[in-house]
Amino acid sequence: MTDKDTSDLIETLKATNDGLLKQVALLTEQVEYLNKKLYGKNVVNTNQLSLFDEDKAGGEDDEDLPSHYRNFYLYAIH
């Protein structure tokens, strides 16, 4: 192997290494994003209406339901 072949090989390996480092960085970013999406706090869009009244989130209005409904909702959801 000549010096020219060796330097060409080194340049090729450096370029390959740089490409792989960029790919690892991209994949690491994707994993972080998906982990936040899967396990992190949900991001709420303030322009979107909520399906639930968050002021009443806690089951305070369960006392208004008849007992058979209350038992259904308390045990069927879990």
C-alpha atoms as a PDB file:
ATOM      1  CA  MET A   1       0.000   0.000   0.000  1.00  0.00           C
ATOM      2  CA  THR A   2       1.453   3.332  -1.008  1.00  0.00           C
ATOM      3  CA  ASP A   3       1.286   6.580   0.873  1.00  0.00           C
ATOM      4  CA  LYS A   4      -1.298   7.827  -1.629  1.00  0.00           C
ATOM      5  CA  ASP A   5      -3.488   4.754  -1.027  1.00  0.00           C
ATOM      6  CA  THR A   6      -3.134   5.189   2.724  1.00  0.00           C
ATOM      7  CA  SER A   7      -4.079   8.871   2.657  1.00  0.00           C
ATOM      8  CA  ASP A   8      -7.036   8.115   0.339  1.00  0.00           C
ATOM      9  CA  LEU A   9      -8.179   5.408   2.730  1.00  0.00           C
ATOM     10  CA  ILE A  10      -7.854   7.777   5.685  1.00  0.00           C
ATOM     11  CA  GLU A  11      -9.926  10.441   3.898  1.00  0.00           C
ATOM     12  CA  THR A  12     -12.578   7.873   2.998  1.00  0.00           C
ATOM     13  CA  LEU A  13     -12.723   6.639   6.588  1.00  0.00           C
ATOM     14  CA  LYS A  14     -12.949  10.208   7.909  1.00  0.00           C
ATOM     15  CA  ALA A  15     -15.843  10.967   5.551  1.00  0.00           C
ATOM     16  CA  THR A  16     -17.590   7.731   6.549  1.00  0.00           C
ATOM     17  CA  ASN A  17     -17.026   8.520  10.229  1.00  0.00           C
ATOM     18  CA  ASP A  18     -18.446  12.047   9.814  1.00  0.00           C
ATOM     19  CA  GLY A  19     -21.522  10.643   8.084  1.00  0.00           C
ATOM     20  CA  LEU A  20     -22.037   8.085  10.825  1.00  0.00           C
ATOM     21  CA  LEU A  21     -21.647  10.716  13.547  1.00  0.00           C
ATOM     22  CA  LYS A  22     -24.330  12.844  11.854  1.00  0.00           C
ATOM     23  CA  GLN A  23     -26.610   9.815  11.610  1.00  0.00           C
ATOM     24  CA  VAL A  24     -26.079   8.991  15.299  1.00  0.00           C
ATOM     25  CA  ALA A  25     -26.885  12.597  16.228  1.00  0.00           C
ATOM     26  CA  LEU A  26     -30.078  12.476  14.158  1.00  0.00           C
ATOM     27  CA  LEU A  27     -31.157   9.148  15.626  1.00  0.00           C
ATOM     28  CA  THR A  28     -30.394  10.360  19.153  1.00  0.00           C
ATOM     29  CA  GLU A  29     -32.558  13.417  18.531  1.00  0.00           C
ATOM     30  CA  GLN A  30     -35.376  11.216  17.233  1.00  0.00           C
ATOM     31  CA  VAL A  31     -35.182   8.939  20.282  1.00  0.00           C
ATOM     32  CA  GLU A  32     -35.299  11.946  22.617  1.00  0.00           C
ATOM     33  CA  TYR A  33     -38.307  13.346  20.770  1.00  0.00           C
ATOM     34  CA  LEU A  34     -40.170  10.039  20.832  1.00  0.00           C
ATOM     35  CA  ASN A  35     -39.361   9.470  24.508  1.00  0.00           C
ATOM     36  CA  LYS A  36     -40.755  12.902  25.338  1.00  0.00           C
ATOM     37  CA  LYS A  37     -43.786  12.138  23.187  1.00  0.00           C
ATOM     38  CA  LEU A  38     -44.327   8.762  24.822  1.00  0.00           C
ATOM     39  CA  TYR A  39     -43.409   9.438  28.447  1.00  0.00           C
ATOM     40  CA  GLY A  40     -43.283  13.196  28.764  1.00  0.00           C
ATOM     41  CA  LYS A  41     -45.931  15.687  29.650  1.00  0.00           C
ATOM     42  CA  ASN A  42     -48.536  16.222  26.948  1.00  0.00           C
ATOM     43  CA  VAL A  43     -48.314  19.533  25.200  1.00  0.00           C
ATOM     44  CA  VAL A  44     -51.667  21.280  25.214  1.00  0.00           C
ATOM     45  CA  ASN A  45     -52.700  23.367  22.248  1.00  0.00           C
ATOM     46  CA  THR A  46     -54.291  26.480  23.734  1.00  0.00           C
ATOM     47  CA  ASN A  47     -56.285  27.071  20.551  1.00  0.00           C
ATOM     48  CA  GLN A  48     -58.021  23.718  20.876  1.00  0.00           C
ATOM     49  CA  LEU A  49     -61.077  23.203  23.054  1.00  0.00           C
ATOM     50  CA  SER A  50     -60.821  20.645  25.843  1.00  0.00           C
ATOM     51  CA  LEU A  51     -63.091  17.615  26.002  1.00  0.00           C
ATOM     52  CA  PHE A  52     -63.092  17.845  29.784  1.00  0.00           C
ATOM     53  CA  ASP A  53     -63.799  20.638  32.189  1.00  0.00           C
ATOM     54  CA  GLU A  54     -60.425  20.805  33.914  1.00  0.00           C
ATOM     55  CA  ASP A  55     -61.827  22.843  36.797  1.00  0.00           C
ATOM     56  CA  LYS A  56     -63.896  19.813  37.781  1.00  0.00           C
ATOM     57  CA  ALA A  57     -61.188  17.207  37.173  1.00  0.00           C
ATOM     58  CA  GLY A  58     -61.129  15.345  40.434  1.00  0.00           C
ATOM     59  CA  GLY A  59     -64.528  13.767  40.507  1.00  0.00           C
ATOM     60  CA  GLU A  60     -66.248  16.395  42.638  1.00  0.00           C
ATOM     61  CA  ASP A  61     -69.422  16.110  40.564  1.00  0.00           C
ATOM     62  CA  ASP A  62     -69.651  12.320  41.053  1.00  0.00           C
ATOM     63  CA  GLU A  63     -71.994  12.885  43.991  1.00  0.00           C
ATOM     64  CA  ASP A  64     -74.661  14.129  41.556  1.00  0.00           C
ATOM     65  CA  LEU A  65     -74.751  10.760  39.771  1.00  0.00           C
ATOM     66  CA  PRO A  66     -76.994   7.938  40.942  1.00  0.00           C
ATOM     67  CA  SER A  67     -74.968   5.274  42.756  1.00  0.00           C
ATOM     68  CA  HIS A  68     -75.254   2.668  39.978  1.00  0.00           C
ATOM     69  CA  TYR A  69     -73.801   5.163  37.469  1.00  0.00           C
ATOM     70  CA  ARG A  70     -71.132   6.281  39.909  1.00  0.00           C
ATOM     71  CA  ASN A  71     -70.024   2.696  40.497  1.00  0.00           C
ATOM     72  CA  PHE A  72     -70.000   2.015  36.765  1.00  0.00           C
ATOM     73  CA  TYR A  73     -67.859   5.048  35.983  1.00  0.00           C
ATOM     74  CA  LEU A  74     -65.513   4.528  38.916  1.00  0.00           C
ATOM     75  CA  TYR A  75     -64.812   0.872  38.180  1.00  0.00           C
ATOM     76  CA  ALA A  76     -65.300   0.587  34.412  1.00  0.00           C
ATOM     77  CA  ILE A  77     -62.726   3.214  33.537  1.00  0.00           C
ATOM     78  CA  HIS A  78     -59.917   1.676  35.541  1.00  0.00           C
END
